[in-house]
Amino acid sequence: EKLDPLAADVATSRALAPLGKLLEFAERHLLSTGKCLYPKGRRWAEELTEARKDWTLTLETHVSRSDPEGMILEIKDLVRRHDD
């Protein structure tokens, strides 16, 4: 949370926080061409719906090999929504 921006190509984490919070963490560290790879469990779709209230993003999903109900979320083009 307090690191200087890293200009990262990829951000990832496991079992750290809901998706919306992960996107907040990633926003300051990702290059504009960067992507996030987040393993998520069975509630991934609910987390995504909630996160999309505050973020626009491009999503590709990948079936998890370790959790039959989970997905790996590959997120690109991350932009925070601003209420006007």
PDB file of N, CA and C in Angstrom:
ATOM      1  N   GLU A   1       0.807  -1.200   0.000  1.00  0.00           N
ATOM      2  CA  GLU A   1       0.000   0.000   0.000  1.00  0.00           C
ATOM      3  C   GLU A   1       0.850   1.263   0.000  1.00  0.00           C
ATOM      4  N   LYS A   2       2.042   1.181   0.567  1.00  0.00           N
ATOM      5  CA  LYS A   2       2.867   2.367   0.701  1.00  0.00           C
ATOM      6  C   LYS A   2       4.089   2.374  -0.208  1.00  0.00           C
ATOM      7  N   LEU A   3       4.253   1.354  -1.009  1.00  0.00           N
ATOM      8  CA  LEU A   3       5.387   1.307  -1.927  1.00  0.00           C
ATOM      9  C   LEU A   3       5.259   2.376  -3.006  1.00  0.00           C
ATOM     10  N   ASP A   4       6.396   2.865  -3.454  1.00  0.00           N
ATOM     11  CA  ASP A   4       6.373   3.724  -4.629  1.00  0.00           C
ATOM     12  C   ASP A   4       5.872   2.902  -5.804  1.00  0.00           C
ATOM     13  N   PRO A   5       5.218   3.525  -6.800  1.00  0.00           N
ATOM     14  CA  PRO A   5       4.741   2.773  -7.962  1.00  0.00           C
ATOM     15  C   PRO A   5       5.860   1.956  -8.602  1.00  0.00           C
ATOM     16  N   LEU A   6       5.535   0.725  -8.979  1.00  0.00           N
ATOM     17  CA  LEU A   6       6.541  -0.221  -9.472  1.00  0.00           C
ATOM     18  C   LEU A   6       6.630  -0.317 -10.989  1.00  0.00           C
ATOM     19  N   ALA A   7       5.690   0.258 -11.715  1.00  0.00           N
ATOM     20  CA  ALA A   7       5.658   0.130 -13.178  1.00  0.00           C
ATOM     21  C   ALA A   7       5.727  -1.343 -13.592  1.00  0.00           C
ATOM     22  N   ALA A   8       4.828  -2.137 -13.029  1.00  0.00           N
ATOM     23  CA  ALA A   8       4.829  -3.584 -13.226  1.00  0.00           C
ATOM     24  C   ALA A   8       4.088  -4.000 -14.492  1.00  0.00           C
ATOM     25  N   ASP A   9       4.570  -5.060 -15.090  1.00  0.00           N
ATOM     26  CA  ASP A   9       3.889  -5.682 -16.222  1.00  0.00           C
ATOM     27  C   ASP A   9       2.731  -6.556 -15.756  1.00  0.00           C
ATOM     28  N   VAL A  10       2.895  -7.180 -14.568  1.00  0.00           N
ATOM     29  CA  VAL A  10       1.907  -8.118 -14.039  1.00  0.00           C
ATOM     30  C   VAL A  10       1.753  -7.890 -12.538  1.00  0.00           C
ATOM     31  N   ALA A  11       0.504  -7.917 -12.080  1.00  0.00           N
ATOM     32  CA  ALA A  11       0.195  -7.910 -10.648  1.00  0.00           C
ATOM     33  C   ALA A  11      -0.574  -9.177 -10.335  1.00  0.00           C
ATOM     34  N   THR A  12      -0.242  -9.810  -9.223  1.00  0.00           N
ATOM     35  CA  THR A  12      -0.956 -11.011  -8.812  1.00  0.00           C
ATOM     36  C   THR A  12      -0.959 -11.108  -7.299  1.00  0.00           C
ATOM     37  N   SER A  13      -1.889 -11.854  -6.783  1.00  0.00           N
ATOM     38  CA  SER A  13      -1.944 -12.147  -5.355  1.00  0.00           C
ATOM     39  C   SER A  13      -2.865 -13.341  -5.177  1.00  0.00           C
ATOM     40  N   ARG A  14      -2.793 -13.932  -4.001  1.00  0.00           N
ATOM     41  CA  ARG A  14      -3.651 -15.074  -3.699  1.00  0.00           C
ATOM     42  C   ARG A  14      -4.201 -14.906  -2.295  1.00  0.00           C
ATOM     43  N   ALA A  15      -5.516 -14.992  -2.164  1.00  0.00           N
ATOM     44  CA  ALA A  15      -6.198 -14.973  -0.867  1.00  0.00           C
ATOM     45  C   ALA A  15      -5.832 -13.750  -0.035  1.00  0.00           C
ATOM     46  N   LEU A  16      -5.787 -12.593  -0.682  1.00  0.00           N
ATOM     47  CA  LEU A  16      -5.416 -11.366   0.009  1.00  0.00           C
ATOM     48  C   LEU A  16      -6.624 -10.482   0.325  1.00  0.00           C
ATOM     49  N   ALA A  17      -7.497 -10.285  -0.670  1.00  0.00           N
ATOM     50  CA  ALA A  17      -8.605  -9.339  -0.502  1.00  0.00           C
ATOM     51  C   ALA A  17      -9.634  -9.572  -1.607  1.00  0.00           C
ATOM     52  N   PRO A  18     -10.826  -8.975  -1.447  1.00  0.00           N
ATOM     53  CA  PRO A  18     -11.806  -9.024  -2.541  1.00  0.00           C
ATOM     54  C   PRO A  18     -11.244  -8.335  -3.792  1.00  0.00           C
ATOM     55  N   LEU A  19     -11.796  -8.674  -4.927  1.00  0.00           N
ATOM     56  CA  LEU A  19     -11.283  -8.183  -6.204  1.00  0.00           C
ATOM     57  C   LEU A  19     -11.199  -6.659  -6.263  1.00  0.00           C
ATOM     58  N   GLY A  20     -12.211  -5.961  -5.816  1.00  0.00           N
ATOM     59  CA  GLY A  20     -12.190  -4.496  -5.867  1.00  0.00           C
ATOM     60  C   GLY A  20     -10.988  -3.915  -5.148  1.00  0.00           C
ATOM     61  N   LYS A  21     -10.654  -4.463  -3.982  1.00  0.00           N
ATOM     62  CA  LYS A  21      -9.498  -3.993  -3.218  1.00  0.00           C
ATOM     63  C   LYS A  21      -8.200  -4.349  -3.942  1.00  0.00           C
ATOM     64  N   LEU A  22      -8.132  -5.524  -4.537  1.00  0.00           N
ATOM     65  CA  LEU A  22      -6.941  -5.917  -5.299  1.00  0.00           C
ATOM     66  C   LEU A  22      -6.698  -4.954  -6.458  1.00  0.00           C
ATOM     67  N   LEU A  23      -7.778  -4.527  -7.111  1.00  0.00           N
ATOM     68  CA  LEU A  23      -7.638  -3.590  -8.222  1.00  0.00           C
ATOM     69  C   LEU A  23      -7.129  -2.239  -7.729  1.00  0.00           C
ATOM     70  N   GLU A  24      -7.557  -1.823  -6.550  1.00  0.00           N
ATOM     71  CA  GLU A  24      -7.025  -0.589  -5.964  1.00  0.00           C
ATOM     72  C   GLU A  24      -5.517  -0.697  -5.766  1.00  0.00           C
ATOM     73  N   PHE A  25      -5.076  -1.825  -5.214  1.00  0.00           N
ATOM     74  CA  PHE A  25      -3.647  -2.033  -5.004  1.00  0.00           C
ATOM     75  C   PHE A  25      -2.892  -2.037  -6.333  1.00  0.00           C
ATOM     76  N   ALA A  26      -3.458  -2.704  -7.326  1.00  0.00           N
ATOM     77  CA  ALA A  26      -2.777  -2.859  -8.617  1.00  0.00           C
ATOM     78  C   ALA A  26      -2.700  -1.550  -9.392  1.00  0.00           C
ATOM     79  N   GLU A  27      -3.714  -0.720  -9.280  1.00  0.00           N
ATOM     80  CA  GLU A  27      -3.804   0.492 -10.097  1.00  0.00           C
ATOM     81  C   GLU A  27      -2.522   1.325 -10.046  1.00  0.00           C
ATOM     82  N   ARG A  28      -1.974   1.539  -8.886  1.00  0.00           N
ATOM     83  CA  ARG A  28      -0.798   2.400  -8.757  1.00  0.00           C
ATOM     84  C   ARG A  28       0.496   1.748  -9.237  1.00  0.00           C
ATOM     85  N   HIS A  29       0.489   0.427  -9.369  1.00  0.00           N
ATOM     86  CA  HIS A  29       1.726  -0.279  -9.697  1.00  0.00           C
ATOM     87  C   HIS A  29       1.805  -0.796 -11.133  1.00  0.00           C
ATOM     88  N   LEU A  30       0.673  -0.882 -11.812  1.00  0.00           N
ATOM     89  CA  LEU A  30       0.656  -1.443 -13.174  1.00  0.00           C
ATOM     90  C   LEU A  30       1.019  -0.405 -14.228  1.00  0.00           C
ATOM     91  N   LEU A  31       1.769  -0.844 -15.231  1.00  0.00           N
ATOM     92  CA  LEU A  31       1.912  -0.052 -16.445  1.00  0.00           C
ATOM     93  C   LEU A  31       0.555  -0.018 -17.143  1.00  0.00           C
ATOM     94  N   SER A  32       0.332   0.933 -18.006  1.00  0.00           N
ATOM     95  CA  SER A  32      -0.947   0.985 -18.732  1.00  0.00           C
ATOM     96  C   SER A  32      -1.145  -0.261 -19.594  1.00  0.00           C
ATOM     97  N   THR A  33      -0.060  -0.912 -19.963  1.00  0.00           N
ATOM     98  CA  THR A  33      -0.126  -2.140 -20.758  1.00  0.00           C
ATOM     99  C   THR A  33      -0.078  -3.394 -19.884  1.00  0.00           C
ATOM    100  N   GLY A  34      -0.062  -3.211 -18.559  1.00  0.00           N
ATOM    101  CA  GLY A  34       0.053  -4.335 -17.642  1.00  0.00           C
ATOM    102  C   GLY A  34      -1.243  -5.097 -17.473  1.00  0.00           C
ATOM    103  N   LYS A  35      -1.138  -6.225 -16.768  1.00  0.00           N
ATOM    104  CA  LYS A  35      -2.333  -7.032 -16.502  1.00  0.00           C
ATOM    105  C   LYS A  35      -2.260  -7.603 -15.094  1.00  0.00           C
ATOM    106  N   CYS A  36      -3.427  -7.985 -14.601  1.00  0.00           N
ATOM    107  CA  CYS A  36      -3.559  -8.631 -13.300  1.00  0.00           C
ATOM    108  C   CYS A  36      -3.923 -10.093 -13.526  1.00  0.00           C
ATOM    109  N   LEU A  37      -3.369 -10.956 -12.724  1.00  0.00           N
ATOM    110  CA  LEU A  37      -3.733 -12.371 -12.722  1.00  0.00           C
ATOM    111  C   LEU A  37      -4.135 -12.726 -11.296  1.00  0.00           C
ATOM    112  N   TYR A  38      -5.426 -12.938 -11.090  1.00  0.00           N
ATOM    113  CA  TYR A  38      -5.937 -13.189  -9.752  1.00  0.00           C
ATOM    114  C   TYR A  38      -6.685 -14.512  -9.690  1.00  0.00           C
ATOM    115  N   PRO A  39      -6.189 -15.476  -8.930  1.00  0.00           N
ATOM    116  CA  PRO A  39      -6.968 -16.684  -8.673  1.00  0.00           C
ATOM    117  C   PRO A  39      -8.119 -16.344  -7.735  1.00  0.00           C
ATOM    118  N   LYS A  40      -9.301 -16.755  -8.101  1.00  0.00           N
ATOM    119  CA  LYS A  40     -10.488 -16.484  -7.286  1.00  0.00           C
ATOM    120  C   LYS A  40     -11.304 -17.756  -7.145  1.00  0.00           C
ATOM    121  N   GLY A  41     -11.924 -17.918  -6.000  1.00  0.00           N
ATOM    122  CA  GLY A  41     -12.739 -19.098  -5.707  1.00  0.00           C
ATOM    123  C   GLY A  41     -14.146 -18.996  -6.258  1.00  0.00           C
ATOM    124  N   ARG A  42     -15.037 -19.759  -5.660  1.00  0.00           N
ATOM    125  CA  ARG A  42     -16.400 -19.921  -6.195  1.00  0.00           C
ATOM    126  C   ARG A  42     -17.194 -18.622  -6.261  1.00  0.00           C
ATOM    127  N   ARG A  43     -16.815 -17.598  -5.508  1.00  0.00           N
ATOM    128  CA  ARG A  43     -17.555 -16.324  -5.514  1.00  0.00           C
ATOM    129  C   ARG A  43     -16.948 -15.319  -6.497  1.00  0.00           C
ATOM    130  N   TRP A  44     -16.152 -15.797  -7.429  1.00  0.00           N
ATOM    131  CA  TRP A  44     -15.452 -14.883  -8.339  1.00  0.00           C
ATOM    132  C   TRP A  44     -16.416 -13.997  -9.116  1.00  0.00           C
ATOM    133  N   ALA A  45     -17.530 -14.545  -9.571  1.00  0.00           N
ATOM    134  CA  ALA A  45     -18.476 -13.757 -10.373  1.00  0.00           C
ATOM    135  C   ALA A  45     -19.111 -12.643  -9.538  1.00  0.00           C
ATOM    136  N   GLU A  46     -19.431 -12.924  -8.275  1.00  0.00           N
ATOM    137  CA  GLU A  46     -19.983 -11.897  -7.383  1.00  0.00           C
ATOM    138  C   GLU A  46     -18.956 -10.782  -7.162  1.00  0.00           C
ATOM    139  N   GLU A  47     -17.702 -11.166  -6.926  1.00  0.00           N
ATOM    140  CA  GLU A  47     -16.647 -10.169  -6.728  1.00  0.00           C
ATOM    141  C   GLU A  47     -16.469  -9.315  -7.977  1.00  0.00           C
ATOM    142  N   LEU A  48     -16.545  -9.941  -9.132  1.00  0.00           N
ATOM    143  CA  LEU A  48     -16.402  -9.218 -10.392  1.00  0.00           C
ATOM    144  C   LEU A  48     -17.545  -8.226 -10.581  1.00  0.00           C
ATOM    145  N   THR A  49     -18.758  -8.650 -10.323  1.00  0.00           N
ATOM    146  CA  THR A  49     -19.918  -7.756 -10.442  1.00  0.00           C
ATOM    147  C   THR A  49     -19.752  -6.544  -9.533  1.00  0.00           C
ATOM    148  N   GLU A  50     -19.328  -6.767  -8.320  1.00  0.00           N
ATOM    149  CA  GLU A  50     -19.131  -5.676  -7.364  1.00  0.00           C
ATOM    150  C   GLU A  50     -17.995  -4.752  -7.826  1.00  0.00           C
ATOM    151  N   ALA A  51     -16.897  -5.320  -8.276  1.00  0.00           N
ATOM    152  CA  ALA A  51     -15.743  -4.519  -8.717  1.00  0.00           C
ATOM    153  C   ALA A  51     -16.087  -3.665  -9.935  1.00  0.00           C
ATOM    154  N   ARG A  52     -16.925  -4.180 -10.808  1.00  0.00           N
ATOM    155  CA  ARG A  52     -17.272  -3.429 -12.022  1.00  0.00           C
ATOM    156  C   ARG A  52     -18.112  -2.180 -11.730  1.00  0.00           C
ATOM    157  N   LYS A  53     -18.585  -2.039 -10.527  1.00  0.00           N
ATOM    158  CA  LYS A  53     -19.269  -0.804 -10.143  1.00  0.00           C
ATOM    159  C   LYS A  53     -18.274   0.354 -10.088  1.00  0.00           C
ATOM    160  N   ASP A  54     -17.022   0.045  -9.804  1.00  0.00           N
ATOM    161  CA  ASP A  54     -15.987   1.067  -9.644  1.00  0.00           C
ATOM    162  C   ASP A  54     -14.900   1.036 -10.713  1.00  0.00           C
ATOM    163  N   TRP A  55     -14.879   0.002 -11.526  1.00  0.00           N
ATOM    164  CA  TRP A  55     -13.789  -0.177 -12.496  1.00  0.00           C
ATOM    165  C   TRP A  55     -14.322  -0.591 -13.859  1.00  0.00           C
ATOM    166  N   THR A  56     -13.656  -0.124 -14.908  1.00  0.00           N
ATOM    167  CA  THR A  56     -13.843  -0.712 -16.233  1.00  0.00           C
ATOM    168  C   THR A  56     -12.595  -1.545 -16.489  1.00  0.00           C
ATOM    169  N   LEU A  57     -12.775  -2.630 -17.191  1.00  0.00           N
ATOM    170  CA  LEU A  57     -11.662  -3.549 -17.409  1.00  0.00           C
ATOM    171  C   LEU A  57     -11.986  -4.504 -18.540  1.00  0.00           C
ATOM    172  N   THR A  58     -10.944  -5.093 -19.074  1.00  0.00           N
ATOM    173  CA  THR A  58     -11.084  -6.180 -20.032  1.00  0.00           C
ATOM    174  C   THR A  58     -10.764  -7.464 -19.284  1.00  0.00           C
ATOM    175  N   LEU A  59     -11.614  -8.466 -19.421  1.00  0.00           N
ATOM    176  CA  LEU A  59     -11.477  -9.699 -18.648  1.00  0.00           C
ATOM    177  C   LEU A  59     -11.368 -10.916 -19.552  1.00  0.00           C
ATOM    178  N   GLU A  60     -10.453 -11.789 -19.190  1.00  0.00           N
ATOM    179  CA  GLU A  60     -10.383 -13.126 -19.763  1.00  0.00           C
ATOM    180  C   GLU A  60     -10.336 -14.079 -18.579  1.00  0.00           C
ATOM    181  N   THR A  61     -11.151 -15.133 -18.597  1.00  0.00           N
ATOM    182  CA  THR A  61     -11.155 -16.092 -17.499  1.00  0.00           C
ATOM    183  C   THR A  61     -10.467 -17.379 -17.927  1.00  0.00           C
ATOM    184  N   HIS A  62      -9.836 -18.013 -16.953  1.00  0.00           N
ATOM    185  CA  HIS A  62      -9.152 -19.287 -17.158  1.00  0.00           C
ATOM    186  C   HIS A  62      -9.586 -20.230 -16.038  1.00  0.00           C
ATOM    187  N   VAL A  63      -9.966 -21.432 -16.388  1.00  0.00           N
ATOM    188  CA  VAL A  63     -10.408 -22.404 -15.396  1.00  0.00           C
ATOM    189  C   VAL A  63      -9.256 -22.711 -14.448  1.00  0.00           C
ATOM    190  N   SER A  64      -9.552 -22.693 -13.165  1.00  0.00           N
ATOM    191  CA  SER A  64      -8.554 -23.001 -12.146  1.00  0.00           C
ATOM    192  C   SER A  64      -8.284 -24.497 -12.117  1.00  0.00           C
ATOM    193  N   ARG A  65      -7.034 -24.866 -12.007  1.00  0.00           N
ATOM    194  CA  ARG A  65      -6.676 -26.280 -11.870  1.00  0.00           C
ATOM    195  C   ARG A  65      -6.709 -26.722 -10.409  1.00  0.00           C
ATOM    196  N   SER A  66      -6.660 -25.765  -9.488  1.00  0.00           N
ATOM    197  CA  SER A  66      -6.612 -26.113  -8.067  1.00  0.00           C
ATOM    198  C   SER A  66      -7.975 -25.980  -7.367  1.00  0.00           C
ATOM    199  N   ASP A  67      -8.916 -25.295  -7.990  1.00  0.00           N
ATOM    200  CA  ASP A  67     -10.241 -25.106  -7.399  1.00  0.00           C
ATOM    201  C   ASP A  67     -11.278 -25.316  -8.495  1.00  0.00           C
ATOM    202  N   PRO A  68     -12.008 -26.424  -8.455  1.00  0.00           N
ATOM    203  CA  PRO A  68     -12.964 -26.713  -9.530  1.00  0.00           C
ATOM    204  C   PRO A  68     -14.067 -25.668  -9.679  1.00  0.00           C
ATOM    205  N   GLU A  69     -14.314 -24.879  -8.642  1.00  0.00           N
ATOM    206  CA  GLU A  69     -15.323 -23.821  -8.718  1.00  0.00           C
ATOM    207  C   GLU A  69     -14.702 -22.459  -8.993  1.00  0.00           C
ATOM    208  N   GLY A  70     -13.399 -22.398  -9.063  1.00  0.00           N
ATOM    209  CA  GLY A  70     -12.708 -21.124  -9.195  1.00  0.00           C
ATOM    210  C   GLY A  70     -12.270 -20.808 -10.615  1.00  0.00           C
ATOM    211  N   MET A  71     -11.765 -19.597 -10.762  1.00  0.00           N
ATOM    212  CA  MET A  71     -11.242 -19.105 -12.030  1.00  0.00           C
ATOM    213  C   MET A  71      -9.985 -18.292 -11.766  1.00  0.00           C
ATOM    214  N   ILE A  72      -9.158 -18.202 -12.778  1.00  0.00           N
ATOM    215  CA  ILE A  72      -8.065 -17.241 -12.783  1.00  0.00           C
ATOM    216  C   ILE A  72      -8.576 -16.071 -13.616  1.00  0.00           C
ATOM    217  N   LEU A  73      -8.595 -14.882 -13.014  1.00  0.00           N
ATOM    218  CA  LEU A  73      -9.062 -13.689 -13.713  1.00  0.00           C
ATOM    219  C   LEU A  73      -7.860 -12.962 -14.289  1.00  0.00           C
ATOM    220  N   GLU A  74      -7.844 -12.825 -15.597  1.00  0.00           N
ATOM    221  CA  GLU A  74      -6.805 -12.056 -16.290  1.00  0.00           C
ATOM    222  C   GLU A  74      -7.436 -10.721 -16.674  1.00  0.00           C
ATOM    223  N   ILE A  75      -6.951  -9.662 -16.067  1.00  0.00           N
ATOM    224  CA  ILE A  75      -7.565  -8.349 -16.203  1.00  0.00           C
ATOM    225  C   ILE A  75      -6.582  -7.386 -16.859  1.00  0.00           C
ATOM    226  N   LYS A  76      -7.065  -6.692 -17.888  1.00  0.00           N
ATOM    227  CA  LYS A  76      -6.272  -5.690 -18.604  1.00  0.00           C
ATOM    228  C   LYS A  76      -7.108  -4.420 -18.728  1.00  0.00           C
ATOM    229  N   ASP A  77      -6.470  -3.362 -19.202  1.00  0.00           N
ATOM    230  CA  ASP A  77      -7.169  -2.103 -19.493  1.00  0.00           C
ATOM    231  C   ASP A  77      -7.933  -1.591 -18.270  1.00  0.00           C
ATOM    232  N   LEU A  78      -7.312  -1.644 -17.123  1.00  0.00           N
ATOM    233  CA  LEU A  78      -7.936  -1.250 -15.866  1.00  0.00           C
ATOM    234  C   LEU A  78      -8.058   0.265 -15.761  1.00  0.00           C
ATOM    235  N   VAL A  79      -9.297   0.741 -15.559  1.00  0.00           N
ATOM    236  CA  VAL A  79      -9.550   2.176 -15.394  1.00  0.00           C
ATOM    237  C   VAL A  79     -10.608   2.359 -14.317  1.00  0.00           C
ATOM    238  N   ARG A  80     -10.300   3.211 -13.357  1.00  0.00           N
ATOM    239  CA  ARG A  80     -11.262   3.509 -12.290  1.00  0.00           C
ATOM    240  C   ARG A  80     -12.399   4.366 -12.857  1.00  0.00           C
ATOM    241  N   ARG A  81     -13.626   4.015 -12.520  1.00  0.00           N
ATOM    242  CA  ARG A  81     -14.790   4.811 -12.902  1.00  0.00           C
ATOM    243  C   ARG A  81     -14.836   6.058 -12.020  1.00  0.00           C
ATOM    244  N   HIS A  82     -15.273   7.149 -12.594  1.00  0.00           N
ATOM    245  CA  HIS A  82     -15.433   8.377 -11.825  1.00  0.00           C
ATOM    246  C   HIS A  82     -16.873   8.817 -11.933  1.00  0.00           C
ATOM    247  N   ASP A  83     -17.497   9.044 -10.794  1.00  0.00           N
ATOM    248  CA  ASP A  83     -18.875   9.551 -10.802  1.00  0.00           C
ATOM    249  C   ASP A  83     -18.854  11.015 -11.175  1.00  0.00           C
ATOM    250  N   ASP A  84     -19.671  11.390 -12.120  1.00  0.00           N
ATOM    251  CA  ASP A  84     -19.742  12.796 -12.571  1.00  0.00           C
ATOM    252  C   ASP A  84     -20.923  13.499 -11.961  1.00  0.00           C
TER     253      ASP A  84
END
